[in-house]
Structures are given as structure tokens and as C-alpha cells.
PDB file of N, CA and C in Angstrom:
ATOM      1  N   MET A   1       0.841  -1.162   0.000  1.00  0.00           N
ATOM      2  CA  MET A   1       0.000   0.000   0.000  1.00  0.00           C
ATOM      3  C   MET A   1       0.900   1.242   0.000  1.00  0.00           C
ATOM      4  N   GLU A   2       0.512   2.245  -0.757  1.00  0.00           N
ATOM      5  CA  GLU A   2       1.296   3.474  -0.863  1.00  0.00           C
ATOM      6  C   GLU A   2       0.408   4.669  -0.508  1.00  0.00           C
ATOM      7  N   LYS A   3       0.921   5.526   0.365  1.00  0.00           N
ATOM      8  CA  LYS A   3       0.196   6.734   0.758  1.00  0.00           C
ATOM      9  C   LYS A   3       1.151   7.915   0.707  1.00  0.00           C
ATOM     10  N   THR A   4       0.624   9.068   0.305  1.00  0.00           N
ATOM     11  CA  THR A   4       1.426  10.286   0.253  1.00  0.00           C
ATOM     12  C   THR A   4       0.851  11.290   1.240  1.00  0.00           C
ATOM     13  N   TYR A   5       1.759  11.891   2.006  1.00  0.00           N
ATOM     14  CA  TYR A   5       1.379  12.863   3.026  1.00  0.00           C
ATOM     15  C   TYR A   5       2.131  14.169   2.792  1.00  0.00           C
ATOM     16  N   GLY A   6       1.502  15.271   3.148  1.00  0.00           N
ATOM     17  CA  GLY A   6       2.211  16.535   3.183  1.00  0.00           C
ATOM     18  C   GLY A   6       3.136  16.527   4.389  1.00  0.00           C
ATOM     19  N   VAL A   7       4.267  17.222   4.276  1.00  0.00           N
ATOM     20  CA  VAL A   7       5.199  17.320   5.394  1.00  0.00           C
ATOM     21  C   VAL A   7       5.435  18.801   5.682  1.00  0.00           C
ATOM     22  N   ILE A   8       5.168  19.199   6.892  1.00  0.00           N
ATOM     23  CA  ILE A   8       5.306  20.588   7.312  1.00  0.00           C
ATOM     24  C   ILE A   8       6.698  20.792   7.908  1.00  0.00           C
ATOM     25  N   GLY A   9       7.372  21.856   7.476  1.00  0.00           N
ATOM     26  CA  GLY A   9       8.648  22.233   8.083  1.00  0.00           C
ATOM     27  C   GLY A   9       9.894  21.904   7.286  1.00  0.00           C
ATOM     28  N   MET A  10       9.767  21.198   6.182  1.00  0.00           N
ATOM     29  CA  MET A  10      10.951  20.855   5.379  1.00  0.00           C
ATOM     30  C   MET A  10      11.405  22.049   4.552  1.00  0.00           C
ATOM     31  N   LYS A  11      12.721  22.348   4.621  1.00  0.00           N
ATOM     32  CA  LYS A  11      13.253  23.485   3.869  1.00  0.00           C
ATOM     33  C   LYS A  11      14.541  23.175   3.123  1.00  0.00           C
ATOM     34  N   CYS A  12      15.180  22.049   3.431  1.00  0.00           N
ATOM     35  CA  CYS A  12      16.474  21.762   2.801  1.00  0.00           C
ATOM     36  C   CYS A  12      16.660  20.249   2.644  1.00  0.00           C
ATOM     37  N   ASP A  13      17.747  19.875   1.985  1.00  0.00           N
ATOM     38  CA  ASP A  13      18.044  18.454   1.780  1.00  0.00           C
ATOM     39  C   ASP A  13      18.261  17.730   3.112  1.00  0.00           C
ATOM     40  N   GLY A  14      18.853  18.417   4.074  1.00  0.00           N
ATOM     41  CA  GLY A  14      19.048  17.811   5.394  1.00  0.00           C
ATOM     42  C   GLY A  14      17.722  17.495   6.071  1.00  0.00           C
ATOM     43  N   CYS A  15      16.762  18.392   5.885  1.00  0.00           N
ATOM     44  CA  CYS A  15      15.413  18.166   6.428  1.00  0.00           C
ATOM     45  C   CYS A  15      14.801  16.918   5.801  1.00  0.00           C
ATOM     46  N   ALA A  16      14.901  16.831   4.482  1.00  0.00           N
ATOM     47  CA  ALA A  16      14.337  15.684   3.765  1.00  0.00           C
ATOM     48  C   ALA A  16      14.994  14.386   4.227  1.00  0.00           C
ATOM     49  N   LYS A  17      16.289  14.434   4.463  1.00  0.00           N
ATOM     50  CA  LYS A  17      17.017  13.240   4.922  1.00  0.00           C
ATOM     51  C   LYS A  17      16.528  12.810   6.306  1.00  0.00           C
ATOM     52  N   THR A  18      16.341  13.783   7.195  1.00  0.00           N
ATOM     53  CA  THR A  18      15.853  13.473   8.541  1.00  0.00           C
ATOM     54  C   THR A  18      14.463  12.859   8.496  1.00  0.00           C
ATOM     55  N   VAL A  19      13.571  13.445   7.703  1.00  0.00           N
ATOM     56  CA  VAL A  19      12.208  12.915   7.572  1.00  0.00           C
ATOM     57  C   VAL A  19      12.253  11.493   7.018  1.00  0.00           C
ATOM     58  N   THR A  20      13.079  11.265   6.015  1.00  0.00           N
ATOM     59  CA  THR A  20      13.217   9.930   5.427  1.00  0.00           C
ATOM     60  C   THR A  20      13.673   8.922   6.475  1.00  0.00           C
ATOM     61  N   GLU A  21      14.697   9.283   7.243  1.00  0.00           N
ATOM     62  CA  GLU A  21      15.230   8.379   8.264  1.00  0.00           C
ATOM     63  C   GLU A  21      14.203   8.071   9.352  1.00  0.00           C
ATOM     64  N   LYS A  22      13.509   9.105   9.826  1.00  0.00           N
ATOM     65  CA  LYS A  22      12.526   8.913  10.899  1.00  0.00           C
ATOM     66  C   LYS A  22      11.355   8.044  10.443  1.00  0.00           C
ATOM     67  N   LEU A  23      10.834   8.327   9.240  1.00  0.00           N
ATOM     68  CA  LEU A  23       9.699   7.552   8.743  1.00  0.00           C
ATOM     69  C   LEU A  23      10.109   6.130   8.376  1.00  0.00           C
ATOM     70  N   SER A  24      11.308   5.963   7.872  1.00  0.00           N
ATOM     71  CA  SER A  24      11.790   4.629   7.490  1.00  0.00           C
ATOM     72  C   SER A  24      11.931   3.699   8.685  1.00  0.00           C
ATOM     73  N   ALA A  25      12.117   4.273   9.860  1.00  0.00           N
ATOM     74  CA  ALA A  25      12.314   3.471  11.074  1.00  0.00           C
ATOM     75  C   ALA A  25      10.998   2.946  11.660  1.00  0.00           C
ATOM     76  N   VAL A  26       9.864   3.393  11.127  1.00  0.00           N
ATOM     77  CA  VAL A  26       8.567   2.981  11.658  1.00  0.00           C
ATOM     78  C   VAL A  26       8.245   1.550  11.218  1.00  0.00           C
ATOM     79  N   LYS A  27       7.739   0.760  12.160  1.00  0.00           N
ATOM     80  CA  LYS A  27       7.352  -0.620  11.880  1.00  0.00           C
ATOM     81  C   LYS A  27       6.306  -0.648  10.765  1.00  0.00           C
ATOM     82  N   GLY A  28       6.530  -1.502   9.782  1.00  0.00           N
ATOM     83  CA  GLY A  28       5.592  -1.652   8.674  1.00  0.00           C
ATOM     84  C   GLY A  28       5.954  -0.855   7.434  1.00  0.00           C
ATOM     85  N   VAL A  29       6.922   0.053   7.560  1.00  0.00           N
ATOM     86  CA  VAL A  29       7.342   0.858   6.409  1.00  0.00           C
ATOM     87  C   VAL A  29       8.334   0.062   5.577  1.00  0.00           C
ATOM     88  N   GLU A  30       8.067  -0.031   4.289  1.00  0.00           N
ATOM     89  CA  GLU A  30       8.961  -0.721   3.366  1.00  0.00           C
ATOM     90  C   GLU A  30       9.852   0.262   2.610  1.00  0.00           C
ATOM     91  N   LYS A  31       9.298   1.448   2.308  1.00  0.00           N
ATOM     92  CA  LYS A  31      10.038   2.421   1.515  1.00  0.00           C
ATOM     93  C   LYS A  31       9.472   3.818   1.777  1.00  0.00           C
ATOM     94  N   VAL A  32      10.355   4.819   1.769  1.00  0.00           N
ATOM     95  CA  VAL A  32       9.943   6.220   1.916  1.00  0.00           C
ATOM     96  C   VAL A  32      10.622   7.026   0.822  1.00  0.00           C
ATOM     97  N   VAL A  33       9.830   7.826   0.117  1.00  0.00           N
ATOM     98  CA  VAL A  33      10.371   8.743  -0.882  1.00  0.00           C
ATOM     99  C   VAL A  33       9.890  10.140  -0.509  1.00  0.00           C
ATOM    100  N   VAL A  34      10.834  11.042  -0.237  1.00  0.00           N
ATOM    101  CA  VAL A  34      10.502  12.404   0.151  1.00  0.00           C
ATOM    102  C   VAL A  34      10.774  13.336  -1.027  1.00  0.00           C
ATOM    103  N   ASP A  35       9.797  14.191  -1.321  1.00  0.00           N
ATOM    104  CA  ASP A  35       9.933  15.196  -2.379  1.00  0.00           C
ATOM    105  C   ASP A  35       9.982  16.559  -1.699  1.00  0.00           C
ATOM    106  N   LEU A  36      11.187  17.128  -1.632  1.00  0.00           N
ATOM    107  CA  LEU A  36      11.381  18.396  -0.947  1.00  0.00           C
ATOM    108  C   LEU A  36      10.609  19.521  -1.629  1.00  0.00           C
ATOM    109  N   ASP A  37      10.621  19.564  -2.958  1.00  0.00           N
ATOM    110  CA  ASP A  37       9.939  20.630  -3.699  1.00  0.00           C
ATOM    111  C   ASP A  37       8.434  20.638  -3.443  1.00  0.00           C
ATOM    112  N   LYS A  38       7.839  19.465  -3.407  1.00  0.00           N
ATOM    113  CA  LYS A  38       6.391  19.354  -3.176  1.00  0.00           C
ATOM    114  C   LYS A  38       6.050  19.294  -1.690  1.00  0.00           C
ATOM    115  N   LYS A  39       7.092  19.141  -0.850  1.00  0.00           N
ATOM    116  CA  LYS A  39       6.917  18.995   0.598  1.00  0.00           C
ATOM    117  C   LYS A  39       5.984  17.828   0.916  1.00  0.00           C
ATOM    118  N   GLN A  40       6.350  16.675   0.336  1.00  0.00           N
ATOM    119  CA  GLN A  40       5.549  15.465   0.496  1.00  0.00           C
ATOM    120  C   GLN A  40       6.442  14.271   0.823  1.00  0.00           C
ATOM    121  N   ALA A  41       5.842  13.289   1.447  1.00  0.00           N
ATOM    122  CA  ALA A  41       6.510  12.012   1.700  1.00  0.00           C
ATOM    123  C   ALA A  41       5.569  10.904   1.250  1.00  0.00           C
ATOM    124  N   THR A  42       6.074  10.027   0.409  1.00  0.00           N
ATOM    125  CA  THR A  42       5.300   8.867  -0.031  1.00  0.00           C
ATOM    126  C   THR A  42       5.835   7.652   0.713  1.00  0.00           C
ATOM    127  N   VAL A  43       4.940   6.988   1.421  1.00  0.00           N
ATOM    128  CA  VAL A  43       5.311   5.855   2.261  1.00  0.00           C
ATOM    129  C   VAL A  43       4.678   4.593   1.690  1.00  0.00           C
ATOM    130  N   THR A  44       5.514   3.572   1.477  1.00  0.00           N
ATOM    131  CA  THR A  44       5.049   2.278   0.998  1.00  0.00           C
ATOM    132  C   THR A  44       5.135   1.287   2.150  1.00  0.00           C
ATOM    133  N   GLY A  45       4.078   0.501   2.311  1.00  0.00           N
ATOM    134  CA  GLY A  45       4.028  -0.485   3.381  1.00  0.00           C
ATOM    135  C   GLY A  45       2.684  -0.413   4.072  1.00  0.00           C
ATOM    136  N   LYS A  46       2.658  -0.893   5.309  1.00  0.00           N
ATOM    137  CA  LYS A  46       1.403  -0.911   6.071  1.00  0.00           C
ATOM    138  C   LYS A  46       1.586  -0.343   7.474  1.00  0.00           C
ATOM    139  N   PRO A  47       2.214   0.838   7.581  1.00  0.00           N
ATOM    140  CA  PRO A  47       2.340   1.432   8.915  1.00  0.00           C
ATOM    141  C   PRO A  47       1.048   2.151   9.310  1.00  0.00           C
ATOM    142  N   TRP A  48       0.874   2.358  10.579  1.00  0.00           N
ATOM    143  CA  TRP A  48      -0.242   3.165  11.056  1.00  0.00           C
ATOM    144  C   TRP A  48       0.128   4.628  10.873  1.00  0.00           C
ATOM    145  N   THR A  49      -0.824   5.426  10.422  1.00  0.00           N
ATOM    146  CA  THR A  49      -0.570   6.858  10.237  1.00  0.00           C
ATOM    147  C   THR A  49      -0.138   7.501  11.551  1.00  0.00           C
ATOM    148  N   LEU A  50      -0.755   7.107  12.650  1.00  0.00           N
ATOM    149  CA  LEU A  50      -0.388   7.657  13.953  1.00  0.00           C
ATOM    150  C   LEU A  50       1.074   7.361  14.288  1.00  0.00           C
ATOM    151  N   SER A  51       1.547   6.185  13.910  1.00  0.00           N
ATOM    152  CA  SER A  51       2.947   5.832  14.150  1.00  0.00           C
ATOM    153  C   SER A  51       3.880   6.723  13.343  1.00  0.00           C
ATOM    154  N   LEU A  52       3.480   7.049  12.117  1.00  0.00           N
ATOM    155  CA  LEU A  52       4.285   7.948  11.285  1.00  0.00           C
ATOM    156  C   LEU A  52       4.345   9.345  11.911  1.00  0.00           C
ATOM    157  N   LYS A  53       3.213   9.818  12.397  1.00  0.00           N
ATOM    158  CA  LYS A  53       3.170  11.139  13.033  1.00  0.00           C
ATOM    159  C   LYS A  53       4.034  11.158  14.289  1.00  0.00           C
ATOM    160  N   ARG A  54       3.963  10.089  15.062  1.00  0.00           N
ATOM    161  CA  ARG A  54       4.769  10.003  16.286  1.00  0.00           C
ATOM    162  C   ARG A  54       6.259   9.959  15.979  1.00  0.00           C
ATOM    163  N   ALA A  55       6.629   9.387  14.846  1.00  0.00           N
ATOM    164  CA  ALA A  55       8.040   9.285  14.478  1.00  0.00           C
ATOM    165  C   ALA A  55       8.665  10.667  14.285  1.00  0.00           C
ATOM    166  N   LEU A  56       7.848  11.646  13.910  1.00  0.00           N
ATOM    167  CA  LEU A  56       8.358  13.004  13.693  1.00  0.00           C
ATOM    168  C   LEU A  56       8.229  13.887  14.932  1.00  0.00           C
ATOM    169  N   LYS A  57       7.619  13.348  15.992  1.00  0.00           N
ATOM    170  CA  LYS A  57       7.486  14.107  17.232  1.00  0.00           C
ATOM    171  C   LYS A  57       8.881  14.390  17.788  1.00  0.00           C
ATOM    172  N   GLY A  58       9.099  15.589  18.246  1.00  0.00           N
ATOM    173  CA  GLY A  58      10.400  15.957  18.779  1.00  0.00           C
ATOM    174  C   GLY A  58      11.324  16.531  17.715  1.00  0.00           C
ATOM    175  N   THR A  59      10.872  16.535  16.479  1.00  0.00           N
ATOM    176  CA  THR A  59      11.620  17.174  15.401  1.00  0.00           C
ATOM    177  C   THR A  59      10.893  18.459  15.040  1.00  0.00           C
ATOM    178  N   LYS A  60      11.416  19.214  14.113  1.00  0.00           N
ATOM    179  CA  LYS A  60      10.729  20.437  13.685  1.00  0.00           C
ATOM    180  C   LYS A  60       9.765  20.163  12.535  1.00  0.00           C
ATOM    181  N   PHE A  61       9.496  18.894  12.268  1.00  0.00           N
ATOM    182  CA  PHE A  61       8.635  18.500  11.152  1.00  0.00           C
ATOM    183  C   PHE A  61       7.335  17.875  11.661  1.00  0.00           C
ATOM    184  N   ALA A  62       6.321  17.948  10.824  1.00  0.00           N
ATOM    185  CA  ALA A  62       5.044  17.336  11.165  1.00  0.00           C
ATOM    186  C   ALA A  62       4.430  16.750   9.898  1.00  0.00           C
ATOM    187  N   LEU A  63       3.784  15.615  10.081  1.00  0.00           N
ATOM    188  CA  LEU A  63       3.093  14.976   8.978  1.00  0.00           C
ATOM    189  C   LEU A  63       1.744  15.641   8.798  1.00  0.00           C
ATOM    190  N   GLY A  64       1.462  16.075   7.578  1.00  0.00           N
ATOM    191  CA  GLY A  64       0.185  16.716   7.271  1.00  0.00           C
ATOM    192  C   GLY A  64      -0.833  15.707   6.797  1.00  0.00           C
ATOM    193  N   LYS A  65      -1.816  16.208   6.066  1.00  0.00           N
ATOM    194  CA  LYS A  65      -2.888  15.363   5.557  1.00  0.00           C
ATOM    195  C   LYS A  65      -2.399  14.418   4.487  1.00  0.00           C
ATOM    196  N   GLU A  66      -3.117  13.310   4.369  1.00  0.00           N
ATOM    197  CA  GLU A  66      -2.850  12.380   3.273  1.00  0.00           C
ATOM    198  C   GLU A  66      -3.329  13.035   1.975  1.00  0.00           C
ATOM    199  N   ILE A  67      -2.507  12.919   0.967  1.00  0.00           N
ATOM    200  CA  ILE A  67      -2.819  13.543  -0.335  1.00  0.00           C
ATOM    201  C   ILE A  67      -3.315  12.481  -1.298  1.00  0.00           C
TER     202      ILE A  67
END
């Protein structure tokens, strides 16, 4: 299953790398592709959306609505 979410707070390649690493560590995630220009993250797998949001807690980023 593939879902795309908006990501709030991304401004540079380092931001995109951090978001990729945090989301990739969530149980059930198979693949993460972050698009800095569109400020989106596409997640492949079967993670819970709440788990993805929690993965970014404590960072300057937040997962937005599913697109």
C-alpha cells in the first residue's frame, strides 16, 4: 500500500534526509520517498498513520494530511 502525506517544516536536503530516516524506522514501512519541492513524503508499506506522526514528534517536522 502506498500513501502520500504533506510534510510541514521541510526546507532543505538535510530536512528531507531526517524525515526519510525517521519515517523509514517505523514498523511496517517498506520504503519512503521524500519530495522536498512538493513537501511530500510517499510511504510504501502498512504502517499506522499515527505511528508515522509520532516518528516526527520531537523534530521540527510534522506529517500533514494524506494527499
